[in-house]
Amino acid sequence: MLFDLDEYGILVERRTGTDLAEGIAKAFNRTWDRNRIIEYAQNNTWDKVGQKVFNYLSMVIKHKGDNCI
């Protein structure tokens, strides 16, 4: 898992009105650690995550056939 979902959000399994309503109710009734969520967001911007993905894929291409992955 990339992150601990319970700390940063609510997973809604189906896209139904009932499931979405239950997810929203859970979110409103939960006490969130705002500072932790802000820190996570600042460390995982689109640019930063995109750069990590680019670096990983560049390494895969560079070592293609080396069986290093």
C-alpha atoms as a PDB file:
ATOM      1  CA  MET A   1       0.000   0.000   0.000  1.00  0.00           C
ATOM      2  CA  LEU A   2       1.284   3.442  -0.837  1.00  0.00           C
ATOM      3  CA  PHE A   3      -0.106   5.076   2.277  1.00  0.00           C
ATOM      4  CA  ASP A   4      -2.264   4.339   5.299  1.00  0.00           C
ATOM      5  CA  LEU A   5      -5.711   5.103   3.937  1.00  0.00           C
ATOM      6  CA  ASP A   6      -7.273   5.364   7.377  1.00  0.00           C
ATOM      7  CA  GLU A   7      -5.117   8.398   8.157  1.00  0.00           C
ATOM      8  CA  TYR A   8      -5.689  10.284   4.902  1.00  0.00           C
ATOM      9  CA  GLY A   9      -9.117   9.441   3.592  1.00  0.00           C
ATOM     10  CA  ILE A  10     -12.108   7.179   3.231  1.00  0.00           C
ATOM     11  CA  LEU A  11     -12.283   4.475   0.573  1.00  0.00           C
ATOM     12  CA  VAL A  12     -15.689   4.154  -1.053  1.00  0.00           C
ATOM     13  CA  GLU A  13     -15.861   0.775  -2.754  1.00  0.00           C
ATOM     14  CA  ARG A  14     -18.819   1.333  -5.074  1.00  0.00           C
ATOM     15  CA  ARG A  15     -20.000   4.440  -6.819  1.00  0.00           C
ATOM     16  CA  THR A  16     -23.514   4.327  -5.437  1.00  0.00           C
ATOM     17  CA  GLY A  17     -25.371   7.068  -3.630  1.00  0.00           C
ATOM     18  CA  THR A  18     -25.627   4.945  -0.505  1.00  0.00           C
ATOM     19  CA  ASP A  19     -21.923   4.116  -0.376  1.00  0.00           C
ATOM     20  CA  LEU A  20     -20.936   7.715  -1.089  1.00  0.00           C
ATOM     21  CA  ALA A  21     -23.298   8.971   1.636  1.00  0.00           C
ATOM     22  CA  GLU A  22     -21.821   6.475   4.113  1.00  0.00           C
ATOM     23  CA  GLY A  23     -18.280   7.562   3.195  1.00  0.00           C
ATOM     24  CA  ILE A  24     -19.131  11.222   3.643  1.00  0.00           C
ATOM     25  CA  ALA A  25     -20.778  10.496   7.010  1.00  0.00           C
ATOM     26  CA  LYS A  26     -17.663   8.582   8.160  1.00  0.00           C
ATOM     27  CA  ALA A  27     -15.441  11.474   7.079  1.00  0.00           C
ATOM     28  CA  PHE A  28     -17.528  14.057   8.930  1.00  0.00           C
ATOM     29  CA  ASN A  29     -17.557  11.939  12.093  1.00  0.00           C
ATOM     30  CA  ARG A  30     -13.817  11.273  12.134  1.00  0.00           C
ATOM     31  CA  THR A  31     -11.186  13.362  13.892  1.00  0.00           C
ATOM     32  CA  TRP A  32      -8.477  14.046  11.313  1.00  0.00           C
ATOM     33  CA  ASP A  33      -4.827  14.917  11.964  1.00  0.00           C
ATOM     34  CA  ARG A  34      -4.775  18.028   9.790  1.00  0.00           C
ATOM     35  CA  ASN A  35      -1.030  18.615  10.137  1.00  0.00           C
ATOM     36  CA  ARG A  36      -0.221  15.059   9.061  1.00  0.00           C
ATOM     37  CA  ILE A  37      -2.521  15.358   6.025  1.00  0.00           C
ATOM     38  CA  ILE A  38      -0.957  18.702   5.059  1.00  0.00           C
ATOM     39  CA  GLU A  39       2.553  17.251   5.422  1.00  0.00           C
ATOM     40  CA  TYR A  40       1.632  14.259   3.266  1.00  0.00           C
ATOM     41  CA  ALA A  41       0.124  16.510   0.594  1.00  0.00           C
ATOM     42  CA  GLN A  42       3.184  18.784   0.534  1.00  0.00           C
ATOM     43  CA  ASN A  43       5.501  15.786   0.166  1.00  0.00           C
ATOM     44  CA  ASN A  44       3.405  14.195  -2.578  1.00  0.00           C
ATOM     45  CA  THR A  45       2.546  16.916  -5.064  1.00  0.00           C
ATOM     46  CA  TRP A  46       1.829  15.960  -8.680  1.00  0.00           C
ATOM     47  CA  ASP A  47       5.289  17.232  -9.639  1.00  0.00           C
ATOM     48  CA  LYS A  48       7.092  15.221  -6.945  1.00  0.00           C
ATOM     49  CA  VAL A  49       5.198  12.001  -7.625  1.00  0.00           C
ATOM     50  CA  GLY A  50       5.621  12.495 -11.379  1.00  0.00           C
ATOM     51  CA  GLN A  51       9.376  12.903 -10.910  1.00  0.00           C
ATOM     52  CA  LYS A  52       9.551   9.711  -8.825  1.00  0.00           C
ATOM     53  CA  VAL A  53       7.647   7.781 -11.498  1.00  0.00           C
ATOM     54  CA  PHE A  54       9.866   9.242 -14.231  1.00  0.00           C
ATOM     55  CA  ASN A  55      13.031   8.310 -12.312  1.00  0.00           C
ATOM     56  CA  TYR A  56      11.787   4.771 -11.719  1.00  0.00           C
ATOM     57  CA  LEU A  57      10.774   4.228 -15.341  1.00  0.00           C
ATOM     58  CA  SER A  58      14.095   5.694 -16.532  1.00  0.00           C
ATOM     59  CA  MET A  59      15.909   3.181 -14.330  1.00  0.00           C
ATOM     60  CA  VAL A  60      13.786   0.336 -15.723  1.00  0.00           C
ATOM     61  CA  ILE A  61      14.566   1.382 -19.302  1.00  0.00           C
ATOM     62  CA  LYS A  62      18.259   1.816 -18.531  1.00  0.00           C
ATOM     63  CA  HIS A  63      18.516  -1.643 -16.999  1.00  0.00           C
ATOM     64  CA  LYS A  64      16.171  -3.425 -19.381  1.00  0.00           C
ATOM     65  CA  GLY A  65      17.239  -7.025 -19.618  1.00  0.00           C
ATOM     66  CA  ASP A  66      19.558  -6.845 -16.579  1.00  0.00           C
ATOM     67  CA  ASN A  67      16.985  -8.639 -14.387  1.00  0.00           C
ATOM     68  CA  CYS A  68      17.659  -6.066 -11.698  1.00  0.00           C
ATOM     69  CA  ILE A  69      14.001  -5.493 -10.951  1.00  0.00           C
END
